[in-house]
């Protein structure tokens, strides 16, 4: 969804009343997402936020 970032998606879901009972997971490439922003998203109902690149614990 290149036209819409995660915050806009959450805002639209809130406006339409579709945030309830959803399992929302956000994956971001932004290393600049703050702890405050993460908490704000979780308070809005986001279940998990993954920052890419993910650390898997596996080595190649």
N, C-alpha and C. Protein backbone atom coordinates (compact mmCIF):
# COMPACT_ATOMS: atom_id res chain seq x y z
N UNK A 1 0.83 -1.18 0.00
CA UNK A 1 0.00 0.00 0.00
C UNK A 1 0.87 1.25 0.00
N UNK A 2 1.50 1.54 -1.08
CA UNK A 2 2.40 2.68 -1.10
C UNK A 2 1.73 4.03 -0.88
N UNK A 3 0.41 4.13 -1.11
CA UNK A 3 -0.28 5.40 -0.94
C UNK A 3 -0.60 5.69 0.51
N UNK A 4 -0.49 4.71 1.38
CA UNK A 4 -0.98 4.89 2.74
C UNK A 4 0.00 4.27 3.74
N UNK A 5 0.40 5.07 4.74
CA UNK A 5 1.28 4.55 5.77
C UNK A 5 0.43 4.00 6.93
N UNK A 6 1.07 3.26 7.80
CA UNK A 6 0.37 2.60 8.90
C UNK A 6 -0.50 3.51 9.75
N UNK A 7 0.00 4.70 10.07
CA UNK A 7 -0.80 5.63 10.89
C UNK A 7 -2.10 5.98 10.20
N UNK A 8 -2.06 6.18 8.88
CA UNK A 8 -3.26 6.53 8.14
C UNK A 8 -4.24 5.36 8.11
N UNK A 9 -3.71 4.18 7.99
CA UNK A 9 -4.57 2.99 8.00
C UNK A 9 -5.29 2.88 9.34
N UNK A 10 -4.55 3.05 10.44
CA UNK A 10 -5.16 2.98 11.77
C UNK A 10 -6.21 4.07 11.92
N UNK A 11 -5.91 5.27 11.47
CA UNK A 11 -6.86 6.38 11.55
C UNK A 11 -8.14 6.07 10.78
N UNK A 12 -8.00 5.50 9.58
CA UNK A 12 -9.18 5.16 8.78
C UNK A 12 -9.99 4.05 9.45
N UNK A 13 -9.31 3.06 10.01
CA UNK A 13 -10.02 1.99 10.72
C UNK A 13 -10.79 2.54 11.92
N UNK A 14 -10.18 3.50 12.62
CA UNK A 14 -10.86 4.12 13.76
C UNK A 14 -12.10 4.90 13.29
N UNK A 15 -11.93 5.68 12.22
CA UNK A 15 -13.04 6.51 11.72
C UNK A 15 -14.24 5.67 11.29
N UNK A 16 -13.96 4.51 10.71
CA UNK A 16 -15.03 3.67 10.20
C UNK A 16 -15.53 2.67 11.24
N UNK A 17 -14.94 2.70 12.43
CA UNK A 17 -15.36 1.79 13.49
C UNK A 17 -14.89 0.36 13.30
N UNK A 18 -13.85 0.17 12.51
CA UNK A 18 -13.36 -1.17 12.21
C UNK A 18 -12.13 -1.58 13.02
N UNK A 19 -11.80 -0.84 14.05
CA UNK A 19 -10.65 -1.20 14.89
C UNK A 19 -11.02 -2.29 15.90
N UNK A 20 -12.30 -2.38 16.23
CA UNK A 20 -12.74 -3.33 17.25
C UNK A 20 -12.53 -4.77 16.81
N UNK A 21 -12.01 -5.56 17.72
CA UNK A 21 -11.86 -7.00 17.51
C UNK A 21 -11.01 -7.35 16.30
N UNK A 22 -10.02 -6.55 15.99
CA UNK A 22 -9.09 -6.83 14.90
C UNK A 22 -7.75 -7.24 15.49
N UNK A 23 -7.04 -8.10 14.81
CA UNK A 23 -5.67 -8.47 15.19
C UNK A 23 -4.74 -7.75 14.22
N UNK A 24 -4.32 -6.55 14.61
CA UNK A 24 -3.52 -5.72 13.73
C UNK A 24 -2.05 -5.85 14.11
N UNK A 25 -1.24 -6.15 13.11
CA UNK A 25 0.21 -6.23 13.27
C UNK A 25 0.82 -5.28 12.26
N UNK A 26 1.74 -4.45 12.71
CA UNK A 26 2.41 -3.49 11.83
C UNK A 26 3.86 -3.90 11.66
N UNK A 27 4.31 -3.87 10.43
CA UNK A 27 5.71 -4.10 10.10
C UNK A 27 6.23 -2.82 9.48
N UNK A 28 7.31 -2.29 10.00
CA UNK A 28 7.82 -1.01 9.52
C UNK A 28 9.30 -1.11 9.18
N UNK A 29 9.69 -0.36 8.17
CA UNK A 29 11.10 -0.26 7.84
C UNK A 29 11.74 0.94 8.52
N UNK A 30 10.91 1.72 9.18
CA UNK A 30 11.42 2.94 9.80
C UNK A 30 12.15 2.64 11.09
N UNK A 31 13.38 3.06 11.16
CA UNK A 31 14.13 2.92 12.41
C UNK A 31 13.86 4.09 13.34
N UNK A 32 13.04 5.02 12.86
CA UNK A 32 12.80 6.24 13.62
C UNK A 32 11.48 6.23 14.38
N UNK A 33 10.79 5.11 14.43
CA UNK A 33 9.56 5.05 15.19
C UNK A 33 9.92 5.06 16.67
N UNK A 34 9.31 5.96 17.40
CA UNK A 34 9.68 6.15 18.80
C UNK A 34 8.90 5.21 19.70
N UNK A 35 9.39 5.03 20.91
CA UNK A 35 8.68 4.23 21.89
C UNK A 35 7.31 4.83 22.17
N UNK A 36 7.22 6.16 22.16
CA UNK A 36 5.94 6.84 22.37
C UNK A 36 4.96 6.50 21.26
N UNK A 37 5.43 6.50 20.02
CA UNK A 37 4.56 6.15 18.89
C UNK A 37 4.11 4.69 18.98
N UNK A 38 5.01 3.82 19.39
CA UNK A 38 4.66 2.41 19.55
C UNK A 38 3.58 2.26 20.61
N UNK A 39 3.74 2.93 21.74
CA UNK A 39 2.73 2.87 22.81
C UNK A 39 1.39 3.42 22.34
N UNK A 40 1.44 4.52 21.58
CA UNK A 40 0.21 5.12 21.05
C UNK A 40 -0.53 4.13 20.16
N UNK A 41 0.20 3.46 19.28
CA UNK A 41 -0.42 2.47 18.39
C UNK A 41 -0.99 1.30 19.18
N UNK A 42 -0.25 0.83 20.17
CA UNK A 42 -0.75 -0.28 21.00
C UNK A 42 -2.00 0.13 21.77
N UNK A 43 -2.04 1.37 22.25
CA UNK A 43 -3.23 1.87 22.94
C UNK A 43 -4.43 1.96 22.01
N UNK A 44 -4.18 2.09 20.73
CA UNK A 44 -5.27 2.15 19.75
C UNK A 44 -5.74 0.77 19.34
N UNK A 45 -5.01 -0.27 19.76
CA UNK A 45 -5.45 -1.64 19.46
C UNK A 45 -4.50 -2.45 18.62
N UNK A 46 -3.36 -1.89 18.22
CA UNK A 46 -2.38 -2.65 17.44
C UNK A 46 -1.77 -3.70 18.37
N UNK A 47 -1.76 -4.95 17.92
CA UNK A 47 -1.28 -6.05 18.76
C UNK A 47 0.24 -6.15 18.79
N UNK A 48 0.90 -5.94 17.67
CA UNK A 48 2.36 -6.08 17.59
C UNK A 48 2.92 -5.13 16.54
N UNK A 49 4.15 -4.72 16.77
CA UNK A 49 4.87 -3.89 15.81
C UNK A 49 6.24 -4.51 15.62
N UNK A 50 6.57 -4.82 14.38
CA UNK A 50 7.87 -5.38 14.04
C UNK A 50 8.66 -4.35 13.27
N UNK A 51 9.89 -4.12 13.68
CA UNK A 51 10.77 -3.24 12.92
C UNK A 51 11.67 -4.09 12.05
N UNK A 52 11.75 -3.72 10.76
CA UNK A 52 12.62 -4.45 9.85
C UNK A 52 13.98 -3.77 9.80
N UNK A 53 15.06 -4.47 9.63
CA UNK A 53 15.12 -5.92 9.45
C UNK A 53 14.89 -6.63 10.79
N UNK A 54 14.23 -7.76 10.71
CA UNK A 54 13.94 -8.56 11.89
C UNK A 54 15.17 -9.34 12.31
N UNK A 55 15.38 -9.44 13.60
CA UNK A 55 16.46 -10.28 14.13
C UNK A 55 15.85 -11.65 14.39
N UNK A 56 16.32 -12.67 13.68
CA UNK A 56 15.73 -14.00 13.79
C UNK A 56 16.50 -14.91 14.71
N UNK A 57 17.75 -14.60 14.96
CA UNK A 57 18.57 -15.48 15.76
C UNK A 57 19.26 -16.55 14.92
N UNK A 58 18.93 -16.60 13.62
CA UNK A 58 19.56 -17.55 12.71
C UNK A 58 20.72 -16.88 12.00
N UNK A 59 21.74 -17.64 11.74
CA UNK A 59 22.85 -17.09 10.96
C UNK A 59 23.00 -17.89 9.68
N UNK A 60 23.41 -17.20 8.66
CA UNK A 60 23.54 -17.86 7.34
C UNK A 60 24.89 -18.50 7.19
